[in-house]
Structures are given as C-alpha cells and as structure tokens.
C-alpha cells in the first residue's frame, strides 16, 4: 500500500522542476523567518521596510507556482533570481546569505530544467545493455 503513493509522487515530481521550486520556496521562507522587525515597525519605516517582507513573500510564491505550474517556469525563475538578489539589500543580507543562495540556486535549477529530457535511470539502463554491434564485432 505504501508503494503506490510513493510512485505517484515520483511521477508527479518527474514532470516538473521539483528541486528548483523547492529550493526557491525554502529560500523565501528562510528569509521571511529571519525578519526581526515586527509588521508595525515595518509600516512605520515605509516602503523600504515593506520590501523586506514583500520580496521573500513573492520568492516563496514563485517557488510554489513553479511546482504547481511548471509551464511558466522560465518567467518564475527569472523573477525568482532577481528577487533573491534584491533581498541582499532589503532583508538582513538575504536572510544571512542562506536564503539568498537557496533562492538563486533554485532559480537556476528551475531555469535549466527541460521537460522533454529522459529520466536518468533510462540512460543508465541503455549504457549497461550490450550493444548488438559490439557482440557481432567480437565474434
């Protein structure tokens, strides 16, 4: 019974840039969690303080949208990398560099993901199987 949900999750994960979206989501969440200023103080500071909460929130949203709408991955990853770099100025040096690095790495993985690519397991099986030309040449 436990094998069926696991296979279904693997199939779902294989059709989208899972690791890129997950890292972008985690980067946004980490930056949001390291914010120390309360919302009352942020509203008093003004737009610069509000950007400290807005940029990681949109990063988190881009990561989730990447997972659930992979057709628009190029747009979400481009926005995600710009927002990640913007958090350097607005949110405690990008969540003490951890959130910034997670966001940039996730965005790059998402941008480079190709939906038509064969799974790696299929490539490994083909490499291990003896080719018919090698057998006939050896005879």
N, C-alpha and C. Protein backbone atom coordinates (compact mmCIF):
# COMPACT_ATOMS: atom_id res chain seq x y z
N UNK A 1 0.82 -1.20 0.00
CA UNK A 1 0.00 0.00 0.00
C UNK A 1 0.87 1.27 0.00
N UNK A 2 2.06 1.20 0.62
CA UNK A 2 2.89 2.41 0.67
C UNK A 2 3.60 2.68 -0.64
N UNK A 3 3.73 1.67 -1.50
CA UNK A 3 4.43 1.85 -2.77
C UNK A 3 3.66 2.70 -3.76
N UNK A 4 2.34 2.63 -3.74
CA UNK A 4 1.53 3.36 -4.72
C UNK A 4 1.62 4.88 -4.55
N UNK A 5 1.46 5.42 -3.34
CA UNK A 5 1.60 6.88 -3.21
C UNK A 5 3.02 7.36 -3.52
N UNK A 6 3.99 6.53 -3.20
CA UNK A 6 5.38 6.90 -3.48
C UNK A 6 5.63 6.98 -4.99
N UNK A 7 5.11 6.00 -5.73
CA UNK A 7 5.25 6.02 -7.20
C UNK A 7 4.50 7.20 -7.79
N UNK A 8 3.32 7.48 -7.26
CA UNK A 8 2.54 8.62 -7.77
C UNK A 8 3.29 9.93 -7.52
N UNK A 9 3.91 10.06 -6.34
CA UNK A 9 4.69 11.27 -6.05
C UNK A 9 5.90 11.37 -6.97
N UNK A 10 6.56 10.26 -7.23
CA UNK A 10 7.72 10.28 -8.13
C UNK A 10 7.32 10.69 -9.55
N UNK A 11 6.18 10.19 -10.02
CA UNK A 11 5.71 10.59 -11.35
C UNK A 11 5.39 12.08 -11.38
N UNK A 12 4.73 12.58 -10.33
CA UNK A 12 4.39 14.00 -10.25
C UNK A 12 5.67 14.83 -10.22
N UNK A 13 6.63 14.41 -9.44
CA UNK A 13 7.89 15.13 -9.30
C UNK A 13 8.70 15.13 -10.59
N UNK A 14 8.63 14.06 -11.37
CA UNK A 14 9.41 13.97 -12.60
C UNK A 14 8.91 14.91 -13.69
N UNK A 15 7.67 15.36 -13.60
CA UNK A 15 7.09 16.22 -14.63
C UNK A 15 7.24 17.70 -14.33
N UNK A 16 8.06 18.06 -13.39
CA UNK A 16 8.22 19.47 -13.01
C UNK A 16 9.61 19.70 -12.44
N UNK A 17 10.06 20.95 -12.39
CA UNK A 17 11.38 21.25 -11.80
C UNK A 17 11.28 21.24 -10.28
N UNK A 18 11.18 20.05 -9.72
CA UNK A 18 10.86 19.91 -8.29
C UNK A 18 11.92 20.53 -7.39
N UNK A 19 13.19 20.17 -7.57
CA UNK A 19 14.22 20.65 -6.66
C UNK A 19 14.43 22.15 -6.78
N UNK A 20 14.34 22.68 -7.97
CA UNK A 20 14.47 24.13 -8.14
C UNK A 20 13.34 24.88 -7.45
N UNK A 21 12.11 24.42 -7.65
CA UNK A 21 10.97 25.07 -7.00
C UNK A 21 11.03 24.94 -5.49
N UNK A 22 11.48 23.78 -5.01
CA UNK A 22 11.58 23.57 -3.57
C UNK A 22 12.64 24.49 -2.96
N UNK A 23 13.80 24.59 -3.60
CA UNK A 23 14.85 25.46 -3.06
C UNK A 23 14.44 26.93 -3.09
N UNK A 24 13.75 27.35 -4.15
CA UNK A 24 13.28 28.74 -4.21
C UNK A 24 12.25 29.00 -3.11
N UNK A 25 11.37 28.05 -2.88
CA UNK A 25 10.38 28.19 -1.80
C UNK A 25 11.06 28.23 -0.44
N UNK A 26 12.02 27.35 -0.22
CA UNK A 26 12.74 27.33 1.06
C UNK A 26 13.54 28.61 1.27
N UNK A 27 14.12 29.15 0.21
CA UNK A 27 14.87 30.41 0.32
C UNK A 27 13.96 31.55 0.76
N UNK A 28 12.79 31.66 0.13
CA UNK A 28 11.84 32.71 0.53
C UNK A 28 11.35 32.53 1.95
N UNK A 29 11.08 31.27 2.34
CA UNK A 29 10.61 31.01 3.70
C UNK A 29 11.70 31.33 4.73
N UNK A 30 12.95 30.98 4.41
CA UNK A 30 14.04 31.26 5.34
C UNK A 30 14.23 32.75 5.54
N UNK A 31 14.14 33.52 4.48
CA UNK A 31 14.29 34.97 4.61
C UNK A 31 13.14 35.56 5.41
N UNK A 32 11.92 35.07 5.16
CA UNK A 32 10.78 35.56 5.93
C UNK A 32 10.92 35.25 7.42
N UNK A 33 11.43 34.07 7.73
CA UNK A 33 11.55 33.67 9.13
C UNK A 33 12.69 34.39 9.85
N UNK A 34 13.67 34.92 9.12
CA UNK A 34 14.76 35.63 9.79
C UNK A 34 14.49 37.13 9.93
N UNK A 35 13.35 37.60 9.44
CA UNK A 35 12.99 39.01 9.63
C UNK A 35 12.75 39.26 11.12
N UNK A 36 13.39 40.27 11.64
CA UNK A 36 13.27 40.55 13.07
C UNK A 36 12.31 41.70 13.38
N UNK A 37 12.08 42.56 12.41
CA UNK A 37 11.21 43.71 12.65
C UNK A 37 9.75 43.28 12.60
N UNK A 38 8.97 43.80 13.52
CA UNK A 38 7.54 43.50 13.51
C UNK A 38 6.87 44.27 12.38
N UNK A 39 5.69 43.84 12.01
CA UNK A 39 4.98 44.49 10.92
C UNK A 39 4.62 45.93 11.27
N UNK A 40 4.42 46.22 12.55
CA UNK A 40 4.11 47.58 12.99
C UNK A 40 5.29 48.52 12.71
N UNK A 41 6.49 48.05 13.01
CA UNK A 41 7.70 48.84 12.76
C UNK A 41 7.93 49.00 11.26
N UNK A 42 7.69 47.93 10.51
CA UNK A 42 7.90 47.96 9.06
C UNK A 42 6.99 48.98 8.41
N UNK A 43 5.75 49.04 8.83
CA UNK A 43 4.82 50.00 8.25
C UNK A 43 5.20 51.43 8.62
N UNK A 44 5.80 51.60 9.79
CA UNK A 44 6.25 52.93 10.20
C UNK A 44 7.46 53.38 9.38
N UNK A 45 8.35 52.46 9.03
CA UNK A 45 9.53 52.79 8.24
C UNK A 45 9.14 53.22 6.84
N UNK A 46 8.18 52.51 6.26
CA UNK A 46 7.73 52.88 4.92
C UNK A 46 8.03 51.81 3.90
N UNK A 47 8.21 52.26 2.68
CA UNK A 47 8.34 51.33 1.56
C UNK A 47 9.57 50.43 1.67
N UNK A 48 10.69 50.95 2.12
CA UNK A 48 11.89 50.12 2.26
C UNK A 48 11.66 48.98 3.25
N UNK A 49 10.99 49.23 4.31
CA UNK A 49 10.70 48.19 5.29
C UNK A 49 9.70 47.18 4.75
N UNK A 50 8.74 47.66 3.98
CA UNK A 50 7.75 46.76 3.39
C UNK A 50 8.39 45.85 2.35
N UNK A 51 9.39 46.32 1.64
CA UNK A 51 10.08 45.50 0.64
C UNK A 51 10.79 44.33 1.30
N UNK A 52 11.19 44.49 2.56
CA UNK A 52 11.83 43.40 3.29
C UNK A 52 10.91 42.21 3.48
N UNK A 53 9.61 42.43 3.54
CA UNK A 53 8.65 41.35 3.63
C UNK A 53 8.09 40.97 2.26
N UNK A 54 8.01 41.93 1.37
CA UNK A 54 7.39 41.69 0.07
C UNK A 54 8.26 40.80 -0.83
N UNK A 55 9.55 41.06 -0.90
CA UNK A 55 10.42 40.29 -1.79
C UNK A 55 10.47 38.81 -1.42
N UNK A 56 10.72 38.44 -0.16
CA UNK A 56 10.71 37.00 0.15
C UNK A 56 9.33 36.36 0.00
N UNK A 57 8.27 37.13 0.21
CA UNK A 57 6.93 36.57 0.01
C UNK A 57 6.70 36.21 -1.45
N UNK A 58 7.14 37.08 -2.35
CA UNK A 58 6.99 36.80 -3.77
C UNK A 58 7.94 35.67 -4.19
N UNK A 59 9.12 35.59 -3.56
CA UNK A 59 10.02 34.45 -3.82
C UNK A 59 9.33 33.14 -3.46
N UNK A 60 8.72 33.10 -2.31
CA UNK A 60 8.00 31.92 -1.86
C UNK A 60 6.88 31.58 -2.83
N UNK A 61 6.16 32.59 -3.27
CA UNK A 61 5.08 32.39 -4.22
C UNK A 61 5.60 31.87 -5.56
N UNK A 62 6.71 32.41 -6.04
CA UNK A 62 7.31 31.93 -7.29
C UNK A 62 7.74 30.48 -7.18
N UNK A 63 8.28 30.09 -6.05
CA UNK A 63 8.67 28.70 -5.85
C UNK A 63 7.48 27.77 -5.88
N UNK A 64 6.39 28.15 -5.22
CA UNK A 64 5.19 27.32 -5.23
C UNK A 64 4.56 27.27 -6.62
N UNK A 65 4.54 28.40 -7.30
CA UNK A 65 3.98 28.42 -8.66
C UNK A 65 4.82 27.58 -9.61
N UNK A 66 6.12 27.54 -9.39
CA UNK A 66 6.98 26.69 -10.21
C UNK A 66 6.61 25.23 -10.02
N UNK A 67 6.31 24.84 -8.79
CA UNK A 67 5.95 23.46 -8.52
C UNK A 67 4.59 23.09 -9.11
N UNK A 68 3.65 24.00 -9.05
CA UNK A 68 2.29 23.66 -9.45
C UNK A 68 1.91 24.14 -10.85
N UNK A 69 2.74 24.97 -11.48
CA UNK A 69 2.51 25.43 -12.85
C UNK A 69 3.85 25.47 -13.59
N UNK A 70 4.43 24.31 -13.90
CA UNK A 70 5.77 24.28 -14.48
C UNK A 70 5.84 24.84 -15.90
N UNK A 71 4.72 25.06 -16.56
CA UNK A 71 4.76 25.60 -17.92
C UNK A 71 5.34 27.01 -17.94
N UNK A 72 5.21 27.75 -16.87
CA UNK A 72 5.71 29.13 -16.79
C UNK A 72 7.01 29.23 -16.00
N UNK A 73 7.78 28.15 -15.97
CA UNK A 73 8.98 28.08 -15.14
C UNK A 73 10.02 29.13 -15.49
N UNK A 74 10.16 29.49 -16.76
CA UNK A 74 11.18 30.47 -17.15
C UNK A 74 10.87 31.84 -16.56
N UNK A 75 9.61 32.22 -16.60
CA UNK A 75 9.21 33.51 -16.01
C UNK A 75 9.42 33.50 -14.49
N UNK A 76 8.96 32.43 -13.84
CA UNK A 76 9.08 32.36 -12.38
C UNK A 76 10.54 32.31 -11.94
N UNK A 77 11.38 31.61 -12.69
CA UNK A 77 12.79 31.54 -12.29
C UNK A 77 13.50 32.87 -12.52
N UNK A 78 13.14 33.59 -13.58
CA UNK A 78 13.75 34.90 -13.81
C UNK A 78 13.37 35.89 -12.71
N UNK A 79 12.10 35.89 -12.36
CA UNK A 79 11.64 36.75 -11.27
C UNK A 79 12.28 36.31 -9.95
N UNK A 80 12.37 35.00 -9.74
CA UNK A 80 12.94 34.47 -8.50
C UNK A 80 14.38 34.86 -8.29
N UNK A 81 15.21 34.82 -9.34
CA UNK A 81 16.61 35.18 -9.18
C UNK A 81 16.76 36.68 -8.92
N UNK A 82 15.94 37.50 -9.57
CA UNK A 82 16.01 38.95 -9.31
C UNK A 82 15.57 39.28 -7.89
N UNK A 83 14.52 38.62 -7.43
CA UNK A 83 14.06 38.86 -6.06
C UNK A 83 15.08 38.37 -5.04
N UNK A 84 15.68 37.22 -5.32
CA UNK A 84 16.69 36.68 -4.41
C UNK A 84 17.85 37.65 -4.26
N UNK A 85 18.31 38.19 -5.38
CA UNK A 85 19.41 39.16 -5.31
C UNK A 85 18.98 40.47 -4.66
N UNK A 86 17.71 40.83 -4.83
CA UNK A 86 17.20 42.05 -4.18
C UNK A 86 17.11 41.94 -2.68
N UNK A 87 16.97 40.73 -2.16
CA UNK A 87 16.89 40.57 -0.71
C UNK A 87 18.21 40.88 -0.02
N UNK A 88 19.29 40.94 -0.78
CA UNK A 88 20.58 41.32 -0.20
C UNK A 88 20.47 42.69 0.46
N UNK A 89 19.73 43.60 -0.17
CA UNK A 89 19.59 44.96 0.35
C UNK A 89 18.43 45.13 1.31
N UNK A 90 17.38 44.34 1.15
CA UNK A 90 16.16 44.61 1.90
C UNK A 90 15.93 43.71 3.11
N UNK A 91 16.56 42.55 3.18
CA UNK A 91 16.20 41.58 4.21
C UNK A 91 17.41 40.94 4.88
N UNK A 92 18.05 41.64 5.74
CA UNK A 92 19.15 41.08 6.53
C UNK A 92 20.18 40.37 5.66
N UNK A 93 20.68 41.03 4.66
CA UNK A 93 21.66 40.46 3.74
C UNK A 93 21.18 39.14 3.13
N UNK A 94 19.93 39.15 2.70
CA UNK A 94 19.38 37.95 2.05
C UNK A 94 19.16 36.81 3.02
N UNK A 95 18.68 37.10 4.19
CA UNK A 95 18.49 36.04 5.18
C UNK A 95 19.80 35.45 5.63
N UNK A 96 20.78 36.33 5.87
CA UNK A 96 22.13 35.94 6.27
C UNK A 96 22.76 35.02 5.22
N UNK A 97 22.57 35.36 3.96
CA UNK A 97 23.13 34.69 2.78
C UNK A 97 22.52 33.32 2.51
N UNK A 98 21.92 32.68 3.48
CA UNK A 98 21.38 31.33 3.28
C UNK A 98 20.18 31.38 2.34
N UNK A 99 19.23 32.24 2.62
CA UNK A 99 18.04 32.36 1.78
C UNK A 99 18.38 32.85 0.39
N UNK A 100 19.33 33.77 0.31
CA UNK A 100 19.75 34.29 -0.98
C UNK A 100 20.35 33.18 -1.83
N UNK A 101 21.23 32.38 -1.27
CA UNK A 101 21.86 31.28 -2.01
C UNK A 101 20.85 30.20 -2.38
N UNK A 102 19.93 29.88 -1.48
CA UNK A 102 18.89 28.91 -1.80
C UNK A 102 18.02 29.41 -2.95
N UNK A 103 17.66 30.70 -2.91
CA UNK A 103 16.81 31.26 -3.95
C UNK A 103 17.49 31.30 -5.31
N UNK A 104 18.75 31.72 -5.34
CA UNK A 104 19.48 31.79 -6.61
C UNK A 104 19.72 30.38 -7.17
N UNK A 105 20.09 29.44 -6.31
CA UNK A 105 20.31 28.07 -6.77
C UNK A 105 19.02 27.45 -7.28
N UNK A 106 17.94 27.64 -6.56
CA UNK A 106 16.65 27.10 -7.01
C UNK A 106 16.19 27.72 -8.31
N UNK A 107 16.39 29.01 -8.46
CA UNK A 107 16.01 29.67 -9.71
C UNK A 107 16.83 29.17 -10.88
N UNK A 108 18.11 28.98 -10.67
CA UNK A 108 18.97 28.47 -11.75
C UNK A 108 18.61 27.03 -12.12
N UNK A 109 18.30 26.20 -11.13
CA UNK A 109 17.88 24.83 -11.42
C UNK A 109 16.56 24.82 -12.19
N UNK A 110 15.66 25.71 -11.81
CA UNK A 110 14.38 25.80 -12.50
C UNK A 110 14.55 26.27 -13.93
N UNK A 111 15.40 27.25 -14.13
CA UNK A 111 15.63 27.78 -15.47
C UNK A 111 16.26 26.74 -16.38
N UNK A 112 17.11 25.90 -15.85
CA UNK A 112 17.80 24.92 -16.66
C UNK A 112 17.06 23.61 -16.85
N UNK A 113 15.92 23.44 -16.19
CA UNK A 113 15.18 22.18 -16.28
C UNK A 113 14.50 22.07 -17.65
N UNK A 114 14.60 20.88 -18.25
CA UNK A 114 13.96 20.63 -19.55
C UNK A 114 12.89 19.56 -19.37
N UNK A 115 11.66 19.83 -19.80
CA UNK A 115 10.58 18.86 -19.58
C UNK A 115 10.68 17.62 -20.46
N UNK A 116 11.34 17.70 -21.61
CA UNK A 116 11.38 16.58 -22.53
C UNK A 116 12.58 15.67 -22.31
N UNK A 117 13.34 15.91 -21.27
CA UNK A 117 14.54 15.14 -21.00
C UNK A 117 14.18 13.75 -20.49
N UNK A 118 14.94 12.74 -20.94
CA UNK A 118 14.73 11.38 -20.44
C UNK A 118 15.17 11.28 -18.99
N UNK A 119 14.51 10.46 -18.20
CA UNK A 119 14.99 10.24 -16.83
C UNK A 119 16.35 9.57 -16.85
N UNK A 120 17.14 9.82 -15.85
CA UNK A 120 18.49 9.29 -15.80
C UNK A 120 18.52 7.77 -15.72
N UNK A 121 17.54 7.15 -15.10
CA UNK A 121 17.52 5.70 -14.98
C UNK A 121 17.49 5.04 -16.35
N UNK A 122 16.75 5.60 -17.28
CA UNK A 122 16.69 5.06 -18.64
C UNK A 122 18.02 5.17 -19.35
N UNK A 123 18.75 6.23 -19.12
CA UNK A 123 20.06 6.41 -19.74
C UNK A 123 21.03 5.39 -19.19
N UNK A 124 20.99 5.15 -17.88
CA UNK A 124 21.90 4.18 -17.28
C UNK A 124 21.61 2.77 -17.77
N UNK A 125 20.33 2.42 -17.93
CA UNK A 125 19.99 1.09 -18.42
C UNK A 125 20.50 0.88 -19.84
N UNK A 126 20.40 1.91 -20.67
CA UNK A 126 20.88 1.79 -22.05
C UNK A 126 22.39 1.64 -22.10
N UNK A 127 23.09 2.30 -21.22
CA UNK A 127 24.56 2.19 -21.21
C UNK A 127 25.02 0.82 -20.77
N UNK A 128 24.30 0.21 -19.84
CA UNK A 128 24.68 -1.10 -19.31
C UNK A 128 24.36 -2.22 -20.30
N UNK A 129 23.33 -2.06 -21.09
CA UNK A 129 22.93 -3.11 -22.03
C UNK A 129 23.97 -3.21 -23.14
N UNK A 130 24.39 -4.44 -23.48
CA UNK A 130 25.38 -4.60 -24.54
C UNK A 130 24.77 -4.23 -25.89
N UNK A 131 25.53 -3.54 -26.68
CA UNK A 131 25.04 -3.13 -27.99
C UNK A 131 25.19 -4.29 -28.96
N UNK A 132 24.28 -4.43 -29.93
CA UNK A 132 24.35 -5.55 -30.87
C UNK A 132 25.57 -5.46 -31.78
N UNK A 133 26.06 -4.28 -32.07
CA UNK A 133 27.23 -4.16 -32.94
C UNK A 133 28.50 -4.60 -32.23
N UNK A 134 28.57 -4.42 -30.93
CA UNK A 134 29.76 -4.84 -30.18
C UNK A 134 29.84 -6.36 -30.13
N UNK A 135 28.69 -7.04 -30.01
CA UNK A 135 28.67 -8.50 -29.97
C UNK A 135 29.07 -9.09 -31.31
N UNK A 136 28.58 -8.52 -32.41
CA UNK A 136 28.89 -9.06 -33.73
C UNK A 136 30.35 -8.79 -34.12
N UNK A 137 30.91 -7.67 -33.63
CA UNK A 137 32.31 -7.35 -33.94
C UNK A 137 33.26 -8.27 -33.18
N UNK A 138 32.85 -8.72 -31.98
CA UNK A 138 33.68 -9.58 -31.17
C UNK A 138 33.71 -11.01 -31.72
N UNK A 139 32.68 -11.42 -32.45
CA UNK A 139 32.60 -12.80 -32.97
C UNK A 139 33.48 -13.05 -34.14
